[in-house]
C-alpha atoms as a PDB file:
ATOM      1  CA  MET A   1     149.085  70.586  -5.212  1.00  0.00           C
ATOM      2  CA  MET A   2     145.331  70.520  -5.724  1.00  0.00           C
ATOM      3  CA  ALA A   3     144.300  70.645  -9.373  1.00  0.00           C
ATOM      4  CA  GLN A   4     142.535  73.867 -10.393  1.00  0.00           C
ATOM      5  CA  LEU A   5     138.849  73.319 -11.076  1.00  0.00           C
ATOM      6  CA  GLN A   6     137.825  74.039 -14.650  1.00  0.00           C
ATOM      7  CA  ARG A   7     134.930  76.397 -15.206  1.00  0.00           C
ATOM      8  CA  PRO A   8     132.030  74.726 -17.048  1.00  0.00           C
ATOM      9  CA  PRO A   9     131.231  75.868 -20.595  1.00  0.00           C
ATOM     10  CA  PRO A  10     128.812  78.799 -20.909  1.00  0.00           C
ATOM     11  CA  LEU A  11     125.067  78.153 -20.772  1.00  0.00           C
ATOM     12  CA  SER A  12     125.647  74.673 -19.347  1.00  0.00           C
ATOM     13  CA  GLU A  13     122.154  74.580 -17.833  1.00  0.00           C
ATOM     14  CA  PHE A  14     120.678  74.895 -21.324  1.00  0.00           C
ATOM     15  CA  ARG A  15     122.139  71.791 -22.921  1.00  0.00           C
ATOM     16  CA  ARG A  16     120.254  70.725 -26.039  1.00  0.00           C
ATOM     17  CA  PHE A  17     122.250  67.588 -26.782  1.00  0.00           C
ATOM     18  CA  GLN A  18     125.487  65.704 -26.375  1.00  0.00           C
ATOM     19  CA  THR A  19     126.318  62.846 -28.710  1.00  0.00           C
ATOM     20  CA  PHE A  20     129.158  60.804 -30.169  1.00  0.00           C
ATOM     21  CA  ASP A  21     127.171  60.201 -33.367  1.00  0.00           C
ATOM     22  CA  VAL A  22     127.909  62.473 -36.354  1.00  0.00           C
ATOM     23  CA  ASP A  23     124.514  62.007 -38.000  1.00  0.00           C
ATOM     24  CA  ALA A  24     122.639  62.787 -34.789  1.00  0.00           C
ATOM     25  CA  ALA A  25     124.712  65.926 -34.216  1.00  0.00           C
ATOM     26  CA  ARG A  26     124.101  67.141 -37.757  1.00  0.00           C
ATOM     27  CA  ASP A  27     120.355  66.586 -37.532  1.00  0.00           C
ATOM     28  CA  ILE A  28     119.928  68.370 -34.194  1.00  0.00           C
ATOM     29  CA  VAL A  29     122.140  71.351 -35.092  1.00  0.00           C
ATOM     30  CA  ALA A  30     120.224  71.697 -38.375  1.00  0.00           C
ATOM     31  CA  ARG A  31     116.973  72.185 -36.449  1.00  0.00           C
ATOM     32  CA  HIS A  32     118.444  75.225 -34.708  1.00  0.00           C
ATOM     33  CA  PHE A  33     120.389  76.696 -37.625  1.00  0.00           C
ATOM     34  CA  CYS A  34     120.006  75.259 -41.119  1.00  0.00           C
ATOM     35  CA  SER A  35     120.675  72.066 -43.063  1.00  0.00           C
ATOM     36  CA  HIS A  36     124.375  71.426 -43.665  1.00  0.00           C
ATOM     37  CA  LYS A  37     127.044  68.884 -44.430  1.00  0.00           C
ATOM     38  CA  LEU A  38     129.067  67.619 -41.458  1.00  0.00           C
ATOM     39  CA  GLU A  39     132.033  65.317 -42.022  1.00  0.00           C
ATOM     40  CA  ARG A  40     134.833  64.045 -39.814  1.00  0.00           C
ATOM     41  CA  GLN A  41     138.344  64.704 -41.088  1.00  0.00           C
ATOM     42  CA  SER A  42     140.074  62.130 -38.900  1.00  0.00           C
ATOM     43  CA  SER A  43     139.007  58.891 -37.291  1.00  0.00           C
ATOM     44  CA  ASP A  44     141.820  59.167 -34.746  1.00  0.00           C
ATOM     45  CA  ASP A  45     140.340  61.968 -32.660  1.00  0.00           C
ATOM     46  CA  ARG A  46     137.268  61.773 -30.432  1.00  0.00           C
ATOM     47  CA  PHE A  47     134.008  63.108 -31.838  1.00  0.00           C
ATOM     48  CA  ASP A  48     132.032  64.506 -28.901  1.00  0.00           C
ATOM     49  CA  ALA A  49     129.421  67.031 -30.038  1.00  0.00           C
ATOM     50  CA  CYS A  50     127.547  69.220 -27.588  1.00  0.00           C
ATOM     51  CA  GLN A  51     125.290  72.268 -27.878  1.00  0.00           C
ATOM     52  CA  HIS A  52     123.888  74.668 -25.296  1.00  0.00           C
ATOM     53  CA  ARG A  53     121.306  77.173 -26.511  1.00  0.00           C
ATOM     54  CA  VAL A  54     118.971  79.930 -25.331  1.00  0.00           C
ATOM     55  CA  SER A  55     116.683  81.833 -27.680  1.00  0.00           C
ATOM     56  CA  GLY A  56     115.416  85.405 -27.330  1.00  0.00           C
ATOM     57  CA  GLU A  57     113.258  87.600 -29.545  1.00  0.00           C
ATOM     58  CA  HIS A  58     115.682  87.916 -32.470  1.00  0.00           C
ATOM     59  CA  VAL A  59     118.953  86.602 -31.015  1.00  0.00           C
ATOM     60  CA  SER A  60     120.049  83.184 -29.763  1.00  0.00           C
ATOM     61  CA  LEU A  61     123.170  82.393 -27.761  1.00  0.00           C
ATOM     62  CA  ASN A  62     124.885  79.061 -28.317  1.00  0.00           C
ATOM     63  CA  TYR A  63     127.830  77.071 -27.069  1.00  0.00           C
ATOM     64  CA  LEU A  64     128.904  74.454 -29.609  1.00  0.00           C
ATOM     65  CA  ARG A  65     131.714  71.933 -29.921  1.00  0.00           C
ATOM     66  CA  TYR A  66     132.359  68.843 -32.021  1.00  0.00           C
ATOM     67  CA  GLY A  67     135.448  67.567 -30.226  1.00  0.00           C
ATOM     68  CA  GLY A  68     137.077  66.123 -33.324  1.00  0.00           C
ATOM     69  CA  ASP A  69     138.322  67.705 -36.533  1.00  0.00           C
ATOM     70  CA  VAL A  70     135.282  68.342 -38.774  1.00  0.00           C
ATOM     71  CA  THR A  71     134.250  70.219 -41.897  1.00  0.00           C
ATOM     72  CA  ILE A  72     130.889  71.994 -41.937  1.00  0.00           C
ATOM     73  CA  GLU A  73     129.258  73.282 -45.106  1.00  0.00           C
ATOM     74  CA  PRO A  74     125.923  75.047 -44.589  1.00  0.00           C
ATOM     75  CA  GLY A  75     126.085  76.917 -47.897  1.00  0.00           C
ATOM     76  CA  GLU A  76     124.063  80.138 -47.498  1.00  0.00           C
ATOM     77  CA  LEU A  77     122.516  80.648 -44.073  1.00  0.00           C
ATOM     78  CA  THR A  78     119.749  82.724 -45.723  1.00  0.00           C
ATOM     79  CA  ARG A  79     117.790  83.862 -42.655  1.00  0.00           C
ATOM     80  CA  PHE A  80     120.423  84.851 -40.098  1.00  0.00           C
ATOM     81  CA  PHE A  81     123.875  86.224 -39.379  1.00  0.00           C
ATOM     82  CA  LEU A  82     126.126  84.027 -37.262  1.00  0.00           C
ATOM     83  CA  ILE A  83     128.946  85.398 -35.112  1.00  0.00           C
ATOM     84  CA  GLN A  84     131.427  82.692 -34.074  1.00  0.00           C
ATOM     85  CA  ILE A  85     133.795  83.404 -31.179  1.00  0.00           C
ATOM     86  CA  PRO A  86     136.344  80.657 -30.397  1.00  0.00           C
ATOM     87  CA  LEU A  87     136.635  79.841 -26.698  1.00  0.00           C
ATOM     88  CA  ALA A  88     139.227  77.121 -27.361  1.00  0.00           C
ATOM     89  CA  GLY A  89     140.998  75.800 -30.421  1.00  0.00           C
ATOM     90  CA  ALA A  90     140.769  77.240 -33.914  1.00  0.00           C
ATOM     91  CA  ALA A  91     138.707  77.135 -37.092  1.00  0.00           C
ATOM     92  CA  ASP A  92     139.181  78.040 -40.749  1.00  0.00           C
ATOM     93  CA  VAL A  93     136.118  79.811 -42.121  1.00  0.00           C
ATOM     94  CA  THR A  94     135.253  80.881 -45.656  1.00  0.00           C
ATOM     95  CA  ASN A  95     132.250  83.150 -46.170  1.00  0.00           C
ATOM     96  CA  GLY A  96     131.830  84.206 -49.776  1.00  0.00           C
ATOM     97  CA  CYS A  97     135.286  85.106 -51.061  1.00  0.00           C
ATOM     98  CA  GLN A  98     136.667  85.913 -47.610  1.00  0.00           C
ATOM     99  CA  ALA A  99     138.738  83.419 -45.605  1.00  0.00           C
ATOM    100  CA  VAL A 100     139.148  83.857 -41.839  1.00  0.00           C
ATOM    101  CA  ALA A 101     141.661  82.019 -39.647  1.00  0.00           C
ATOM    102  CA  SER A 102     139.632  82.073 -36.454  1.00  0.00           C
ATOM    103  CA  ASN A 103     141.188  81.721 -32.989  1.00  0.00           C
ATOM    104  CA  SER A 104     141.111  83.340 -29.551  1.00  0.00           C
ATOM    105  CA  GLN A 105     141.962  86.709 -31.117  1.00  0.00           C
ATOM    106  CA  THR A 106     139.827  86.521 -34.257  1.00  0.00           C
ATOM    107  CA  ALA A 107     136.129  85.727 -34.512  1.00  0.00           C
ATOM    108  CA  SER A 108     134.117  85.304 -37.701  1.00  0.00           C
ATOM    109  CA  ILE A 109     130.827  86.772 -38.909  1.00  0.00           C
ATOM    110  CA  LEU A 110     128.901  84.750 -41.465  1.00  0.00           C
ATOM    111  CA  ASN A 111     126.811  86.807 -43.888  1.00  0.00           C
ATOM    112  CA  PRO A 112     123.586  84.958 -44.711  1.00  0.00           C
ATOM    113  CA  ASP A 113     123.715  85.490 -48.482  1.00  0.00           C
ATOM    114  CA  ARG A 114     127.256  84.165 -48.948  1.00  0.00           C
ATOM    115  CA  HIS A 115     128.298  80.515 -49.291  1.00  0.00           C
ATOM    116  CA  THR A 116     129.992  79.243 -46.138  1.00  0.00           C
ATOM    117  CA  VAL A 117     132.446  76.386 -45.615  1.00  0.00           C
ATOM    118  CA  MET A 118     134.229  75.794 -42.295  1.00  0.00           C
ATOM    119  CA  ARG A 119     136.761  73.481 -40.720  1.00  0.00           C
ATOM    120  CA  TRP A 120     136.630  73.271 -36.949  1.00  0.00           C
ATOM    121  CA  HIS A 121     139.907  71.769 -35.802  1.00  0.00           C
ATOM    122  CA  SER A 122     140.087  69.229 -33.017  1.00  0.00           C
ATOM    123  CA  GLY A 123     139.305  70.821 -29.652  1.00  0.00           C
ATOM    124  CA  CYS A 124     137.506  73.844 -31.111  1.00  0.00           C
ATOM    125  CA  GLU A 125     134.761  75.267 -28.898  1.00  0.00           C
ATOM    126  CA  GLN A 126     132.823  78.377 -29.876  1.00  0.00           C
ATOM    127  CA  LEU A 127     130.267  80.834 -28.552  1.00  0.00           C
ATOM    128  CA  LEU A 128     127.804  81.466 -31.382  1.00  0.00           C
ATOM    129  CA  VAL A 129     125.480  84.456 -31.663  1.00  0.00           C
ATOM    130  CA  GLN A 130     122.667  83.847 -34.136  1.00  0.00           C
ATOM    131  CA  ILE A 131     120.878  87.053 -35.217  1.00  0.00           C
ATOM    132  CA  ASP A 132     117.811  87.298 -37.406  1.00  0.00           C
ATOM    133  CA  ARG A 133     118.760  88.954 -40.690  1.00  0.00           C
ATOM    134  CA  GLN A 134     115.593  91.014 -40.970  1.00  0.00           C
ATOM    135  CA  PHE A 135     116.123  92.361 -37.447  1.00  0.00           C
ATOM    136  CA  VAL A 136     119.645  93.550 -38.347  1.00  0.00           C
ATOM    137  CA  ASP A 137     118.303  95.324 -41.443  1.00  0.00           C
ATOM    138  CA  GLU A 138     115.513  96.946 -39.416  1.00  0.00           C
ATOM    139  CA  VAL A 139     117.901  98.162 -36.716  1.00  0.00           C
ATOM    140  CA  ALA A 140     120.318  99.531 -39.323  1.00  0.00           C
ATOM    141  CA  SER A 141     117.460 101.397 -41.021  1.00  0.00           C
ATOM    142  CA  ARG A 142     116.373 102.908 -37.699  1.00  0.00           C
ATOM    143  CA  VAL A 143     119.914 103.936 -36.780  1.00  0.00           C
ATOM    144  CA  THR A 144     120.587 105.575 -40.147  1.00  0.00           C
ATOM    145  CA  GLY A 145     117.055 106.974 -40.385  1.00  0.00           C
ATOM    146  CA  MET A 146     116.598 105.732 -43.937  1.00  0.00           C
ATOM    147  CA  ASP A 147     115.853 102.784 -46.182  1.00  0.00           C
ATOM    148  CA  LEU A 148     119.248 101.308 -47.063  1.00  0.00           C
ATOM    149  CA  GLY A 149     118.109 100.060 -50.457  1.00  0.00           C
ATOM    150  CA  ALA A 150     120.228  96.883 -50.212  1.00  0.00           C
ATOM    151  CA  ARG A 151     120.838  94.174 -47.634  1.00  0.00           C
ATOM    152  CA  LEU A 152     123.578  94.956 -45.129  1.00  0.00           C
ATOM    153  CA  ARG A 153     126.696  92.802 -44.982  1.00  0.00           C
ATOM    154  CA  PHE A 154     129.572  92.660 -42.441  1.00  0.00           C
ATOM    155  CA  ALA A 155     133.281  92.107 -43.004  1.00  0.00           C
ATOM    156  CA  PRO A 156     133.673  88.417 -41.981  1.00  0.00           C
ATOM    157  CA  GLU A 157     136.916  88.884 -40.014  1.00  0.00           C
ATOM    158  CA  PHE A 158     136.119  90.218 -36.527  1.00  0.00           C
ATOM    159  CA  LEU A 159     139.324  91.207 -34.701  1.00  0.00           C
ATOM    160  CA  LEU A 160     138.680  90.825 -30.982  1.00  0.00           C
ATOM    161  CA  LYS A 161     141.798  92.645 -29.723  1.00  0.00           C
ATOM    162  CA  ARG A 162     140.494  96.062 -30.781  1.00  0.00           C
ATOM    163  CA  PRO A 163     139.281  98.125 -27.782  1.00  0.00           C
ATOM    164  CA  GLU A 164     135.850  98.668 -29.345  1.00  0.00           C
ATOM    165  CA  ALA A 165     135.537  94.941 -30.078  1.00  0.00           C
ATOM    166  CA  ARG A 166     136.448  94.097 -26.483  1.00  0.00           C
ATOM    167  CA  GLN A 167     133.723  96.478 -25.330  1.00  0.00           C
ATOM    168  CA  TRP A 168     131.210  94.703 -27.570  1.00  0.00           C
ATOM    169  CA  THR A 169     132.210  91.265 -26.293  1.00  0.00           C
ATOM    170  CA  ARG A 170     131.750  92.507 -22.721  1.00  0.00           C
ATOM    171  CA  LYS A 171     128.153  93.401 -23.646  1.00  0.00           C
ATOM    172  CA  LEU A 172     127.725  89.931 -25.104  1.00  0.00           C
ATOM    173  CA  TRP A 173     129.085  88.170 -22.021  1.00  0.00           C
ATOM    174  CA  GLY A 174     126.751  90.326 -19.937  1.00  0.00           C
ATOM    175  CA  LEU A 175     123.851  88.790 -21.873  1.00  0.00           C
ATOM    176  CA  VAL A 176     125.285  85.299 -21.375  1.00  0.00           C
ATOM    177  CA  ARG A 177     125.549  85.815 -17.607  1.00  0.00           C
ATOM    178  CA  ALA A 178     122.040  87.283 -17.477  1.00  0.00           C
ATOM    179  CA  ALA A 179     120.725  84.204 -19.309  1.00  0.00           C
ATOM    180  CA  GLU A 180     122.567  81.893 -16.917  1.00  0.00           C
ATOM    181  CA  ASN A 181     121.046  83.783 -13.964  1.00  0.00           C
ATOM    182  CA  GLY A 182     117.536  83.488 -15.393  1.00  0.00           C
ATOM    183  CA  GLU A 183     117.238  87.243 -16.012  1.00  0.00           C
ATOM    184  CA  LEU A 184     116.955  87.083 -19.812  1.00  0.00           C
ATOM    185  CA  PHE A 185     116.007  84.652 -22.594  1.00  0.00           C
ATOM    186  CA  GLY A 186     112.985  83.446 -20.682  1.00  0.00           C
ATOM    187  CA  SER A 187     109.276  84.177 -20.438  1.00  0.00           C
ATOM    188  CA  GLY A 188     107.986  87.482 -19.148  1.00  0.00           C
ATOM    189  CA  ASN A 189     110.917  89.752 -20.088  1.00  0.00           C
ATOM    190  CA  SER A 190     110.165  90.578 -23.742  1.00  0.00           C
ATOM    191  CA  PRO A 191     110.494  94.426 -23.592  1.00  0.00           C
ATOM    192  CA  ARG A 192     113.862  94.311 -21.817  1.00  0.00           C
ATOM    193  CA  GLN A 193     115.003  91.388 -23.945  1.00  0.00           C
ATOM    194  CA  ASN A 194     114.182  93.231 -27.167  1.00  0.00           C
ATOM    195  CA  ARG A 195     115.898  96.422 -25.966  1.00  0.00           C
ATOM    196  CA  LEU A 196     119.119  94.643 -25.017  1.00  0.00           C
ATOM    197  CA  GLU A 197     119.180  92.694 -28.265  1.00  0.00           C
ATOM    198  CA  GLU A 198     118.760  95.944 -30.193  1.00  0.00           C
ATOM    199  CA  GLU A 199     121.565  97.593 -28.202  1.00  0.00           C
ATOM    200  CA  LEU A 200     123.834  94.656 -29.040  1.00  0.00           C
ATOM    201  CA  ILE A 201     123.144  95.093 -32.769  1.00  0.00           C
ATOM    202  CA  VAL A 202     123.538  98.884 -32.663  1.00  0.00           C
ATOM    203  CA  SER A 203     126.899  98.418 -30.958  1.00  0.00           C
ATOM    204  CA  LEU A 204     127.971  95.784 -33.503  1.00  0.00           C
ATOM    205  CA  LEU A 205     127.105  98.124 -36.386  1.00  0.00           C
ATOM    206  CA  GLY A 206     129.415 100.726 -34.888  1.00  0.00           C
ATOM    207  CA  VAL A 207     132.224  98.277 -34.081  1.00  0.00           C
ATOM    208  CA  GLN A 208     132.459  96.040 -37.138  1.00  0.00           C
ATOM    209  CA  GLU A 209     133.027  97.266 -40.684  1.00  0.00           C
ATOM    210  CA  ASN A 210     129.928  96.805 -42.814  1.00  0.00           C
ATOM    211  CA  THR A 211     128.489  98.038 -46.085  1.00  0.00           C
ATOM    212  CA  ALA A 212     126.571 100.821 -44.285  1.00  0.00           C
ATOM    213  CA  SER A 213     129.497 102.066 -42.167  1.00  0.00           C
ATOM    214  CA  ALA A 214     129.639 105.360 -44.061  1.00  0.00           C
ATOM    215  CA  LEU A 215     125.972 105.972 -43.268  1.00  0.00           C
ATOM    216  CA  LEU A 216     126.673 105.420 -39.575  1.00  0.00           C
ATOM    217  CA  SER A 217     129.468 107.994 -39.363  1.00  0.00           C
ATOM    218  CA  ARG A 218     129.268 110.731 -36.723  1.00  0.00           C
ATOM    219  CA  GLU A 219     128.626 113.534 -39.159  1.00  0.00           C
ATOM    220  CA  THR A 220     125.255 111.997 -40.053  1.00  0.00           C
ATOM    221  CA  SER A 221     124.086 111.852 -36.439  1.00  0.00           C
ATOM    222  CA  GLN A 222     121.230 114.018 -35.336  1.00  0.00           C
ATOM    223  CA  SER A 223     121.689 116.936 -32.967  1.00  0.00           C
ATOM    224  CA  GLY A 224     119.303 118.095 -30.299  1.00  0.00           C
ATOM    225  CA  SER A 225     118.243 121.190 -32.269  1.00  0.00           C
ATOM    226  CA  ALA A 226     114.609 120.878 -33.399  1.00  0.00           C
ATOM    227  CA  ILE A 227     115.315 122.906 -36.546  1.00  0.00           C
ATOM    228  CA  LEU A 228     118.286 120.746 -37.465  1.00  0.00           C
ATOM    229  CA  LYS A 229     116.405 117.546 -36.677  1.00  0.00           C
ATOM    230  CA  ARG A 230     113.527 118.450 -38.993  1.00  0.00           C
ATOM    231  CA  ALA A 231     115.920 119.328 -41.811  1.00  0.00           C
ATOM    232  CA  VAL A 232     117.991 116.156 -41.316  1.00  0.00           C
ATOM    233  CA  ASP A 233     114.832 114.024 -41.279  1.00  0.00           C
ATOM    234  CA  MET A 234     113.757 115.516 -44.598  1.00  0.00           C
ATOM    235  CA  ILE A 235     117.177 114.938 -46.140  1.00  0.00           C
ATOM    236  CA  ARG A 236     117.232 111.303 -45.043  1.00  0.00           C
ATOM    237  CA  ASP A 237     113.663 110.698 -46.181  1.00  0.00           C
ATOM    238  CA  ARG A 238     113.985 112.398 -49.548  1.00  0.00           C
ATOM    239  CA  MET A 239     117.688 112.480 -50.440  1.00  0.00           C
ATOM    240  CA  ARG A 240     116.980 110.676 -53.712  1.00  0.00           C
ATOM    241  CA  GLU A 241     114.776 113.598 -54.782  1.00  0.00           C
ATOM    242  CA  ASP A 242     115.703 117.114 -55.863  1.00  0.00           C
ATOM    243  CA  ILE A 243     115.702 119.168 -52.643  1.00  0.00           C
ATOM    244  CA  SER A 244     116.505 122.875 -52.502  1.00  0.00           C
ATOM    245  CA  LEU A 245     117.667 124.981 -49.566  1.00  0.00           C
ATOM    246  CA  ILE A 246     114.271 126.706 -49.629  1.00  0.00           C
ATOM    247  CA  ASP A 247     112.502 123.318 -49.384  1.00  0.00           C
ATOM    248  CA  LEU A 248     114.601 122.377 -46.360  1.00  0.00           C
ATOM    249  CA  ALA A 249     114.100 125.712 -44.615  1.00  0.00           C
ATOM    250  CA  ARG A 250     110.337 125.611 -45.164  1.00  0.00           C
ATOM    251  CA  HIS A 251     110.139 122.073 -43.762  1.00  0.00           C
ATOM    252  CA  ALA A 252     112.340 123.015 -40.770  1.00  0.00           C
ATOM    253  CA  GLY A 253     110.212 126.081 -40.012  1.00  0.00           C
ATOM    254  CA  THR A 254     112.928 128.680 -40.450  1.00  0.00           C
ATOM    255  CA  THR A 255     114.596 130.881 -43.041  1.00  0.00           C
ATOM    256  CA  PRO A 256     117.267 129.631 -45.458  1.00  0.00           C
ATOM    257  CA  ARG A 257     119.836 131.918 -43.853  1.00  0.00           C
ATOM    258  CA  ASN A 258     119.080 130.743 -40.324  1.00  0.00           C
ATOM    259  CA  LEU A 259     119.148 127.093 -41.443  1.00  0.00           C
ATOM    260  CA  GLN A 260     122.630 127.606 -42.841  1.00  0.00           C
ATOM    261  CA  ILE A 261     123.741 129.173 -39.541  1.00  0.00           C
ATOM    262  CA  VAL A 262     122.308 126.244 -37.536  1.00  0.00           C
ATOM    263  CA  PHE A 263     124.012 123.646 -39.757  1.00  0.00           C
ATOM    264  CA  LYS A 264     127.331 125.464 -39.635  1.00  0.00           C
ATOM    265  CA  ARG A 265     127.186 125.855 -35.862  1.00  0.00           C
ATOM    266  CA  GLU A 266     126.094 122.302 -35.039  1.00  0.00           C
ATOM    267  CA  MET A 267     127.621 120.236 -37.882  1.00  0.00           C
ATOM    268  CA  ASP A 268     130.251 122.520 -39.431  1.00  0.00           C
ATOM    269  CA  LEU A 269     128.575 121.883 -42.795  1.00  0.00           C
ATOM    270  CA  THR A 270     126.117 123.723 -44.994  1.00  0.00           C
ATOM    271  CA  PRO A 271     122.758 121.997 -45.610  1.00  0.00           C
ATOM    272  CA  VAL A 272     123.770 121.307 -49.215  1.00  0.00           C
ATOM    273  CA  GLN A 273     127.100 119.809 -48.119  1.00  0.00           C
ATOM    274  CA  TYR A 274     125.311 117.560 -45.647  1.00  0.00           C
ATOM    275  CA  LEU A 275     122.828 116.443 -48.317  1.00  0.00           C
ATOM    276  CA  GLN A 276     125.705 115.643 -50.664  1.00  0.00           C
ATOM    277  CA  GLN A 277     127.545 113.641 -48.002  1.00  0.00           C
ATOM    278  CA  CYS A 278     124.422 111.618 -47.237  1.00  0.00           C
ATOM    279  CA  ARG A 279     123.991 110.846 -50.930  1.00  0.00           C
ATOM    280  CA  LEU A 280     127.637 109.809 -51.276  1.00  0.00           C
ATOM    281  CA  ASN A 281     127.442 107.636 -48.148  1.00  0.00           C
ATOM    282  CA  LEU A 282     124.348 105.901 -49.528  1.00  0.00           C
ATOM    283  CA  ALA A 283     126.113 105.367 -52.848  1.00  0.00           C
ATOM    284  CA  ARG A 284     129.045 103.726 -51.053  1.00  0.00           C
ATOM    285  CA  HIS A 285     126.717 101.333 -49.232  1.00  0.00           C
ATOM    286  CA  LEU A 286     125.001 100.390 -52.505  1.00  0.00           C
ATOM    287  CA  LEU A 287     128.304  99.853 -54.299  1.00  0.00           C
ATOM    288  CA  LEU A 288     129.665  97.641 -51.503  1.00  0.00           C
ATOM    289  CA  ALA A 289     126.444  95.704 -50.969  1.00  0.00           C
ATOM    290  CA  ARG A 290     125.775  95.033 -54.638  1.00  0.00           C
ATOM    291  CA  ASN A 291     129.404  94.072 -55.483  1.00  0.00           C
ATOM    292  CA  GLY A 292     129.320  95.553 -58.965  1.00  0.00           C
ATOM    293  CA  ASP A 293     126.201  93.723 -60.122  1.00  0.00           C
ATOM    294  CA  ILE A 294     124.577  97.040 -61.113  1.00  0.00           C
ATOM    295  CA  PRO A 295     126.188  99.843 -63.154  1.00  0.00           C
ATOM    296  CA  VAL A 296     127.722 102.832 -61.383  1.00  0.00           C
ATOM    297  CA  SER A 297     125.283 105.045 -63.289  1.00  0.00           C
ATOM    298  CA  ASP A 298     122.369 103.222 -61.640  1.00  0.00           C
ATOM    299  CA  VAL A 299     123.961 103.624 -58.197  1.00  0.00           C
ATOM    300  CA  ALA A 300     124.348 107.342 -58.864  1.00  0.00           C
ATOM    301  CA  GLU A 301     120.676 107.650 -59.735  1.00  0.00           C
ATOM    302  CA  LEU A 302     119.527 105.521 -56.796  1.00  0.00           C
ATOM    303  CA  SER A 303     121.467 107.766 -54.407  1.00  0.00           C
ATOM    304  CA  GLY A 304     120.034 111.012 -55.769  1.00  0.00           C
ATOM    305  CA  HIS A 305     122.830 112.092 -58.131  1.00  0.00           C
ATOM    306  CA  ARG A 306     121.788 113.481 -61.489  1.00  0.00           C
ATOM    307  CA  HIS A 307     125.187 113.984 -63.160  1.00  0.00           C
ATOM    308  CA  LEU A 308     127.452 110.929 -63.384  1.00  0.00           C
ATOM    309  CA  GLY A 309     130.669 112.878 -63.971  1.00  0.00           C
ATOM    310  CA  ARG A 310     130.161 115.173 -60.987  1.00  0.00           C
ATOM    311  CA  PHE A 311     129.149 112.190 -58.864  1.00  0.00           C
ATOM    312  CA  SER A 312     132.360 110.312 -59.690  1.00  0.00           C
ATOM    313  CA  LEU A 313     134.541 113.336 -58.898  1.00  0.00           C
ATOM    314  CA  ALA A 314     132.764 114.046 -55.603  1.00  0.00           C
ATOM    315  CA  TYR A 315     132.875 110.370 -54.636  1.00  0.00           C
ATOM    316  CA  LYS A 316     136.622 110.088 -55.253  1.00  0.00           C
ATOM    317  CA  LYS A 317     137.267 113.283 -53.294  1.00  0.00           C
ATOM    318  CA  ARG A 318     135.321 111.946 -50.310  1.00  0.00           C
ATOM    319  CA  PHE A 319     136.490 108.326 -50.229  1.00  0.00           C
ATOM    320  CA  GLY A 320     139.839 108.458 -52.004  1.00  0.00           C
ATOM    321  CA  GLU A 321     138.820 105.992 -54.724  1.00  0.00           C
ATOM    322  CA  SER A 322     136.508 105.900 -57.702  1.00  0.00           C
ATOM    323  CA  PRO A 323     133.019 104.351 -57.553  1.00  0.00           C
ATOM    324  CA  LYS A 324     134.250 101.571 -59.846  1.00  0.00           C
ATOM    325  CA  ALA A 325     137.090 100.782 -57.438  1.00  0.00           C
ATOM    326  CA  THR A 326     134.610 100.502 -54.567  1.00  0.00           C
ATOM    327  CA  ALA A 327     132.396  98.218 -56.644  1.00  0.00           C
ATOM    328  CA  ARG A 328     135.399  95.908 -57.092  1.00  0.00           C
ATOM    329  CA  CYS A 329     136.022  95.739 -53.317  1.00  0.00           C
ATOM    330  CA  ARG A 330     136.377  92.126 -52.153  1.00  0.00           C
ATOM    331  CA  VAL A 331     135.729  92.633 -48.421  1.00  0.00           C
ATOM    332  CA  PHE A 332     131.983  91.984 -48.694  1.00  0.00           C
ATOM    333  CA  CYS A 333     131.882  89.711 -51.743  1.00  0.00           C
END
């Protein structure tokens, strides 16, 4: 029987290096990512490092393998998020206080401000998506329509079996195929490149749990109504300030009564209820992103709440836990 031909690794036409030398591999990978420690864990296996890479506006796609069993310690990535999707083999990844056993069903997302240590086991091959940190923050701010007030962070464990995750990976592989066909990640396609990169990030924000997930919930989405849109824009721009129903109605160009009718019809909320939910969602993002390094009273003030006791009660009613419990959450630490 004829042996089945193996498909080449992704992005094979964009090989940056292949080497059997550990020091050479470390130095070249560092130029594309960041300085790091790279050590072999066994002299019995075959070290055979290889990287393929294409770079876009804010996103790069990479295929990377080391062949042998290695530990990698980049510390904090600082400037970029890194999504690691195993194509073969397995890896153990620690980002901050979170440990991820990564395999064909589980990818990892490295947050740039958390210390990272990894062990790629022998035979591990991964597709890596490197995304500029500032670009992620900018996209998140545009999607939510507001300044987040703290850097966004993802849950490091990315479960690929979920239907929404499979949909996201299909988008990613579409970009890989487009790069291989010369349609993207080249000269002369900046507008389309930037749009597709942004769509990939918007989709990731909706798929993977992150500190701003509450701000991205459906009930904070804008409707087509011009009156509602103007009121929602004002709430998002000035939710930290004292805003009255009269202020909102005046800005929206309608009466307070009609504004209440529009909100109830299109969002099943009153304007005041929507304002309160936005403030609580912002508070949750700040509590998760800051990991308890600022007092709950400061978070309340930063999210537009003036009475700490009422804030705590409203927060627990909405999220089922106290603000202090959220601040102790270990998912994003």
